[in-house]
Amino acid sequence: MTRRLLLALAALVPAVAFAAEPVSVDGKWQVSANIAGTASEMACTFAQKDADVTGKCEGDQGPYDITGKVDGKTVTWQLKTQYEGQTLTVIYTGTVESPDKFNGTVDVQPLSVSGDFTATRAK
């Protein structure tokens, strides 16, 4: 009985390890956001190494350095910006729908303002 249980668990380990592999968001993306009724567009370039993401996003306010993570199909990244003399942290959290699209929510701290976004792979 114990041996069968161990064999069954051993058979599941590769499947669980495979399911946890992060998706790839490496490359150029067009990000369209709507935060508290204000629409914005950014061109982002993500560099992914394993689960870590770094890169730059460029929008109307200038370039922003980003840092983030990929956990399975969930992508999270953040950037810092200035608004009326205050430093804001803008956090994007999305779910990958396909190799060319993901979408999710945007949270602006410390203002507690939120919105949503869609990212599509640039051609």
N, C-alpha and C. Protein backbone atom coordinates (compact mmCIF):
# COMPACT_ATOMS: atom_id res chain seq x y z
N MET A 1 0.82 -1.20 0.00
CA MET A 1 0.00 0.00 0.00
C MET A 1 0.86 1.25 0.00
N THR A 2 1.86 1.30 0.90
CA THR A 2 2.74 2.46 0.97
C THR A 2 3.52 2.62 -0.32
N ARG A 3 3.95 1.49 -0.88
CA ARG A 3 4.73 1.54 -2.12
C ARG A 3 3.88 2.11 -3.26
N ARG A 4 2.61 1.70 -3.35
CA ARG A 4 1.72 2.22 -4.40
C ARG A 4 1.51 3.72 -4.24
N LEU A 5 1.35 4.17 -3.02
CA LEU A 5 1.17 5.60 -2.76
C LEU A 5 2.41 6.38 -3.18
N LEU A 6 3.57 5.87 -2.85
CA LEU A 6 4.82 6.54 -3.25
C LEU A 6 4.97 6.57 -4.76
N LEU A 7 4.64 5.49 -5.45
CA LEU A 7 4.70 5.46 -6.91
C LEU A 7 3.72 6.45 -7.52
N ALA A 8 2.52 6.52 -6.96
CA ALA A 8 1.53 7.46 -7.47
C ALA A 8 2.00 8.90 -7.28
N LEU A 9 2.56 9.21 -6.12
CA LEU A 9 3.07 10.56 -5.87
C LEU A 9 4.25 10.88 -6.78
N ALA A 10 5.13 9.91 -7.00
CA ALA A 10 6.28 10.12 -7.88
C ALA A 10 5.82 10.40 -9.30
N ALA A 11 4.75 9.78 -9.73
CA ALA A 11 4.23 10.02 -11.08
C ALA A 11 3.65 11.42 -11.22
N LEU A 12 3.14 12.01 -10.14
CA LEU A 12 2.56 13.34 -10.18
C LEU A 12 3.60 14.46 -10.18
N VAL A 13 4.77 14.21 -9.62
CA VAL A 13 5.78 15.27 -9.48
C VAL A 13 6.13 15.91 -10.82
N PRO A 14 6.42 15.16 -11.90
CA PRO A 14 6.74 15.83 -13.17
C PRO A 14 5.59 16.68 -13.68
N ALA A 15 4.35 16.24 -13.52
CA ALA A 15 3.20 17.01 -13.98
C ALA A 15 3.06 18.31 -13.21
N VAL A 16 3.26 18.27 -11.91
CA VAL A 16 3.17 19.48 -11.09
C VAL A 16 4.31 20.43 -11.44
N ALA A 17 5.51 19.92 -11.61
CA ALA A 17 6.65 20.77 -11.96
C ALA A 17 6.44 21.43 -13.31
N PHE A 18 5.86 20.70 -14.28
CA PHE A 18 5.62 21.26 -15.59
C PHE A 18 4.57 22.36 -15.53
N ALA A 19 3.52 22.16 -14.75
CA ALA A 19 2.44 23.14 -14.65
C ALA A 19 2.92 24.45 -14.04
N ALA A 20 3.97 24.42 -13.23
CA ALA A 20 4.45 25.62 -12.57
C ALA A 20 5.41 26.44 -13.44
N GLU A 21 5.79 25.93 -14.61
CA GLU A 21 6.69 26.66 -15.49
C GLU A 21 6.07 28.00 -15.88
N PRO A 22 6.81 29.08 -15.76
CA PRO A 22 6.24 30.37 -16.15
C PRO A 22 6.14 30.50 -17.67
N VAL A 23 5.12 31.23 -18.12
CA VAL A 23 4.99 31.53 -19.54
C VAL A 23 6.04 32.57 -19.90
N SER A 24 6.28 32.76 -21.18
CA SER A 24 7.26 33.75 -21.60
C SER A 24 6.57 35.05 -22.03
N VAL A 25 7.00 36.15 -21.43
CA VAL A 25 6.54 37.48 -21.85
C VAL A 25 7.70 38.28 -22.43
N ASP A 26 8.81 37.61 -22.69
CA ASP A 26 10.00 38.23 -23.25
C ASP A 26 9.65 38.91 -24.58
N GLY A 27 10.05 40.16 -24.76
CA GLY A 27 9.81 40.84 -26.03
C GLY A 27 9.11 42.17 -25.86
N LYS A 28 8.55 42.65 -26.98
CA LYS A 28 7.91 43.97 -27.02
C LYS A 28 6.39 43.82 -26.96
N TRP A 29 5.78 44.71 -26.14
CA TRP A 29 4.34 44.67 -25.90
C TRP A 29 3.76 46.07 -25.99
N GLN A 30 2.53 46.18 -26.46
CA GLN A 30 1.76 47.42 -26.44
C GLN A 30 0.76 47.29 -25.30
N VAL A 31 0.82 48.20 -24.32
CA VAL A 31 -0.03 48.13 -23.14
C VAL A 31 -1.02 49.29 -23.17
N SER A 32 -2.30 48.94 -23.17
CA SER A 32 -3.38 49.94 -23.13
C SER A 32 -4.04 49.83 -21.76
N ALA A 33 -4.07 50.95 -21.04
CA ALA A 33 -4.64 50.95 -19.69
C ALA A 33 -5.72 52.00 -19.55
N ASN A 34 -6.61 51.76 -18.61
CA ASN A 34 -7.62 52.74 -18.23
C ASN A 34 -7.61 52.77 -16.70
N ILE A 35 -7.07 53.86 -16.15
CA ILE A 35 -6.94 53.99 -14.71
C ILE A 35 -7.81 55.16 -14.25
N ALA A 36 -8.81 54.86 -13.46
CA ALA A 36 -9.74 55.87 -12.94
C ALA A 36 -10.30 56.75 -14.05
N GLY A 37 -10.65 56.11 -15.19
CA GLY A 37 -11.24 56.82 -16.31
C GLY A 37 -10.27 57.51 -17.24
N THR A 38 -8.97 57.40 -16.98
CA THR A 38 -7.96 58.01 -17.85
C THR A 38 -7.26 56.92 -18.66
N ALA A 39 -7.36 57.02 -19.98
CA ALA A 39 -6.74 56.04 -20.87
C ALA A 39 -5.28 56.39 -21.11
N SER A 40 -4.44 55.37 -21.23
CA SER A 40 -3.02 55.59 -21.54
C SER A 40 -2.50 54.44 -22.38
N GLU A 41 -1.43 54.72 -23.11
CA GLU A 41 -0.76 53.72 -23.95
C GLU A 41 0.72 53.73 -23.61
N MET A 42 1.31 52.54 -23.55
CA MET A 42 2.76 52.42 -23.33
C MET A 42 3.30 51.32 -24.24
N ALA A 43 4.52 51.53 -24.71
CA ALA A 43 5.26 50.49 -25.42
C ALA A 43 6.26 49.92 -24.42
N CYS A 44 6.16 48.63 -24.12
CA CYS A 44 7.00 48.00 -23.12
C CYS A 44 7.89 46.93 -23.75
N THR A 45 9.10 46.84 -23.25
CA THR A 45 10.01 45.77 -23.64
C THR A 45 10.37 45.02 -22.39
N PHE A 46 10.01 43.74 -22.35
CA PHE A 46 10.28 42.89 -21.19
C PHE A 46 11.43 41.94 -21.51
N ALA A 47 12.34 41.80 -20.57
CA ALA A 47 13.40 40.80 -20.63
C ALA A 47 13.14 39.83 -19.49
N GLN A 48 12.93 38.57 -19.84
CA GLN A 48 12.58 37.57 -18.83
C GLN A 48 13.70 36.55 -18.68
N LYS A 49 14.09 36.33 -17.43
CA LYS A 49 15.06 35.27 -17.09
C LYS A 49 14.40 34.43 -16.02
N ASP A 50 14.02 33.20 -16.39
CA ASP A 50 13.24 32.32 -15.52
C ASP A 50 11.95 33.04 -15.14
N ALA A 51 11.72 33.30 -13.86
CA ALA A 51 10.49 33.96 -13.43
C ALA A 51 10.65 35.47 -13.26
N ASP A 52 11.88 35.99 -13.38
CA ASP A 52 12.12 37.42 -13.17
C ASP A 52 11.97 38.20 -14.48
N VAL A 53 11.34 39.37 -14.37
CA VAL A 53 11.13 40.25 -15.52
C VAL A 53 11.72 41.62 -15.22
N THR A 54 12.47 42.15 -16.17
CA THR A 54 12.97 43.53 -16.11
C THR A 54 12.67 44.16 -17.46
N GLY A 55 12.87 45.46 -17.55
CA GLY A 55 12.67 46.11 -18.84
C GLY A 55 12.32 47.58 -18.71
N LYS A 56 11.73 48.09 -19.80
CA LYS A 56 11.34 49.50 -19.87
C LYS A 56 9.97 49.62 -20.52
N CYS A 57 9.22 50.61 -20.04
CA CYS A 57 7.96 51.00 -20.67
C CYS A 57 8.07 52.48 -21.01
N GLU A 58 7.64 52.82 -22.22
CA GLU A 58 7.68 54.22 -22.65
C GLU A 58 6.27 54.69 -22.96
N GLY A 59 5.92 55.83 -22.36
CA GLY A 59 4.60 56.41 -22.57
C GLY A 59 4.72 57.92 -22.70
N ASP A 60 3.61 58.63 -22.53
CA ASP A 60 3.59 60.08 -22.64
C ASP A 60 4.49 60.77 -21.61
N GLN A 61 4.64 60.18 -20.45
CA GLN A 61 5.41 60.80 -19.37
C GLN A 61 6.89 60.42 -19.40
N GLY A 62 7.33 59.64 -20.37
CA GLY A 62 8.74 59.27 -20.45
C GLY A 62 8.97 57.80 -20.20
N PRO A 63 10.24 57.38 -20.24
CA PRO A 63 10.53 55.96 -20.01
C PRO A 63 10.51 55.61 -18.52
N TYR A 64 10.07 54.39 -18.23
CA TYR A 64 10.02 53.87 -16.87
C TYR A 64 10.75 52.53 -16.84
N ASP A 65 11.61 52.34 -15.86
CA ASP A 65 12.20 51.03 -15.62
C ASP A 65 11.17 50.18 -14.90
N ILE A 66 11.10 48.91 -15.28
CA ILE A 66 10.14 48.02 -14.62
C ILE A 66 10.85 46.80 -14.04
N THR A 67 10.24 46.25 -13.01
CA THR A 67 10.67 44.97 -12.44
C THR A 67 9.42 44.15 -12.19
N GLY A 68 9.55 42.83 -12.30
CA GLY A 68 8.37 42.01 -12.09
C GLY A 68 8.68 40.54 -12.00
N LYS A 69 7.61 39.75 -12.02
CA LYS A 69 7.69 38.29 -11.89
C LYS A 69 6.62 37.65 -12.76
N VAL A 70 6.92 36.41 -13.16
CA VAL A 70 5.94 35.57 -13.82
C VAL A 70 5.77 34.33 -12.94
N ASP A 71 4.53 34.03 -12.60
CA ASP A 71 4.23 32.85 -11.78
C ASP A 71 3.13 32.08 -12.49
N GLY A 72 3.51 31.01 -13.19
CA GLY A 72 2.55 30.29 -14.00
C GLY A 72 2.08 31.20 -15.12
N LYS A 73 0.78 31.50 -15.17
CA LYS A 73 0.22 32.39 -16.19
C LYS A 73 -0.01 33.81 -15.66
N THR A 74 0.42 34.07 -14.43
CA THR A 74 0.24 35.40 -13.84
C THR A 74 1.51 36.23 -14.01
N VAL A 75 1.33 37.42 -14.55
CA VAL A 75 2.44 38.36 -14.77
C VAL A 75 2.19 39.58 -13.89
N THR A 76 3.21 39.95 -13.11
CA THR A 76 3.12 41.16 -12.29
C THR A 76 4.36 41.99 -12.53
N TRP A 77 4.16 43.29 -12.79
CA TRP A 77 5.29 44.19 -12.88
C TRP A 77 4.90 45.54 -12.31
N GLN A 78 5.92 46.31 -11.94
CA GLN A 78 5.66 47.63 -11.38
C GLN A 78 6.65 48.65 -11.90
N LEU A 79 6.23 49.89 -11.80
CA LEU A 79 7.08 51.02 -12.17
C LEU A 79 6.82 52.15 -11.19
N LYS A 80 7.76 53.05 -11.12
CA LYS A 80 7.62 54.24 -10.26
C LYS A 80 7.47 55.46 -11.16
N THR A 81 6.60 56.39 -10.74
CA THR A 81 6.38 57.62 -11.48
C THR A 81 6.12 58.75 -10.48
N GLN A 82 6.14 59.96 -10.97
CA GLN A 82 5.89 61.13 -10.14
C GLN A 82 4.55 61.75 -10.52
N TYR A 83 3.82 62.20 -9.51
CA TYR A 83 2.56 62.91 -9.73
C TYR A 83 2.44 63.98 -8.66
N GLU A 84 2.44 65.25 -9.09
CA GLU A 84 2.33 66.39 -8.19
C GLU A 84 3.31 66.29 -7.03
N GLY A 85 4.56 65.93 -7.35
CA GLY A 85 5.62 65.87 -6.35
C GLY A 85 5.63 64.62 -5.50
N GLN A 86 4.73 63.70 -5.76
CA GLN A 86 4.64 62.47 -4.98
C GLN A 86 5.08 61.29 -5.84
N THR A 87 5.86 60.37 -5.25
CA THR A 87 6.26 59.15 -5.95
C THR A 87 5.15 58.12 -5.85
N LEU A 88 4.73 57.63 -7.01
CA LEU A 88 3.69 56.62 -7.07
C LEU A 88 4.28 55.30 -7.56
N THR A 89 3.77 54.20 -7.04
CA THR A 89 4.12 52.88 -7.52
C THR A 89 2.90 52.34 -8.26
N VAL A 90 3.09 52.03 -9.54
CA VAL A 90 2.01 51.52 -10.37
C VAL A 90 2.26 50.02 -10.57
N ILE A 91 1.31 49.21 -10.11
CA ILE A 91 1.46 47.76 -10.13
C ILE A 91 0.46 47.15 -11.12
N TYR A 92 1.01 46.42 -12.10
CA TYR A 92 0.21 45.73 -13.10
C TYR A 92 0.19 44.24 -12.76
N THR A 93 -1.00 43.64 -12.73
CA THR A 93 -1.13 42.21 -12.47
C THR A 93 -2.07 41.64 -13.52
N GLY A 94 -1.56 40.71 -14.33
CA GLY A 94 -2.37 40.17 -15.41
C GLY A 94 -2.25 38.68 -15.56
N THR A 95 -3.15 38.13 -16.38
CA THR A 95 -3.17 36.71 -16.69
C THR A 95 -2.96 36.54 -18.19
N VAL A 96 -2.01 35.69 -18.55
CA VAL A 96 -1.72 35.44 -19.95
C VAL A 96 -2.84 34.60 -20.55
N GLU A 97 -3.44 35.12 -21.64
CA GLU A 97 -4.51 34.40 -22.34
C GLU A 97 -3.96 33.58 -23.50
N SER A 98 -2.90 34.10 -24.12
CA SER A 98 -2.29 33.45 -25.27
C SER A 98 -0.85 33.95 -25.36
N PRO A 99 -0.03 33.40 -26.26
CA PRO A 99 1.34 33.90 -26.38
C PRO A 99 1.42 35.38 -26.77
N ASP A 100 0.31 35.93 -27.29
CA ASP A 100 0.32 37.30 -27.78
C ASP A 100 -0.59 38.26 -27.02
N LYS A 101 -1.18 37.82 -25.89
CA LYS A 101 -2.10 38.72 -25.19
C LYS A 101 -2.22 38.34 -23.71
N PHE A 102 -2.23 39.37 -22.86
CA PHE A 102 -2.61 39.20 -21.46
C PHE A 102 -3.29 40.46 -20.98
N ASN A 103 -4.11 40.33 -19.94
CA ASN A 103 -4.80 41.50 -19.40
C ASN A 103 -5.01 41.32 -17.92
N GLY A 104 -5.37 42.43 -17.28
CA GLY A 104 -5.55 42.37 -15.84
C GLY A 104 -5.86 43.72 -15.24
N THR A 105 -5.36 43.94 -14.02
CA THR A 105 -5.66 45.14 -13.27
C THR A 105 -4.42 45.98 -13.01
N VAL A 106 -4.66 47.25 -12.75
CA VAL A 106 -3.60 48.21 -12.41
C VAL A 106 -3.97 48.81 -11.06
N ASP A 107 -2.98 48.91 -10.18
CA ASP A 107 -3.19 49.47 -8.85
C ASP A 107 -2.14 50.57 -8.64
N VAL A 108 -2.59 51.78 -8.31
CA VAL A 108 -1.68 52.91 -8.11
C VAL A 108 -1.63 53.22 -6.61
N GLN A 109 -0.43 53.07 -6.05
CA GLN A 109 -0.23 53.30 -4.62
C GLN A 109 0.70 54.48 -4.39
N PRO A 110 0.52 55.31 -3.43
CA PRO A 110 -0.38 55.17 -2.29
C PRO A 110 -1.77 55.79 -2.51
N LEU A 111 -2.14 56.09 -3.75
CA LEU A 111 -3.42 56.75 -4.00
C LEU A 111 -4.62 55.81 -3.94
N SER A 112 -4.38 54.50 -3.96
CA SER A 112 -5.46 53.51 -3.97
C SER A 112 -6.42 53.73 -5.13
N VAL A 113 -5.85 54.04 -6.29
CA VAL A 113 -6.61 54.19 -7.52
C VAL A 113 -6.36 52.95 -8.35
N SER A 114 -7.38 52.46 -9.05
CA SER A 114 -7.19 51.24 -9.83
C SER A 114 -7.82 51.36 -11.21
N GLY A 115 -7.54 50.36 -12.01
CA GLY A 115 -8.07 50.29 -13.35
C GLY A 115 -7.76 48.95 -13.96
N ASP A 116 -7.79 48.90 -15.31
CA ASP A 116 -7.49 47.65 -15.99
C ASP A 116 -6.57 47.92 -17.18
N PHE A 117 -6.01 46.84 -17.72
CA PHE A 117 -5.11 46.97 -18.87
C PHE A 117 -5.20 45.74 -19.75
N THR A 118 -4.79 45.92 -20.99
CA THR A 118 -4.61 44.84 -21.94
C THR A 118 -3.25 45.01 -22.59
N ALA A 119 -2.49 43.92 -22.68
CA ALA A 119 -1.18 43.95 -23.33
C ALA A 119 -1.22 43.01 -24.52
N THR A 120 -0.79 43.53 -25.68
CA THR A 120 -0.70 42.70 -26.88
C THR A 120 0.72 42.76 -27.41
N ARG A 121 1.20 41.61 -27.87
CA ARG A 121 2.58 41.53 -28.36
C ARG A 121 2.71 42.42 -29.61
N ALA A 122 3.75 43.25 -29.62
CA ALA A 122 4.01 44.13 -30.75
C ALA A 122 4.52 43.30 -31.92
N LYS A 123 4.10 43.65 -33.10
CA LYS A 123 4.51 42.92 -34.31
C LYS A 123 5.79 43.46 -34.85
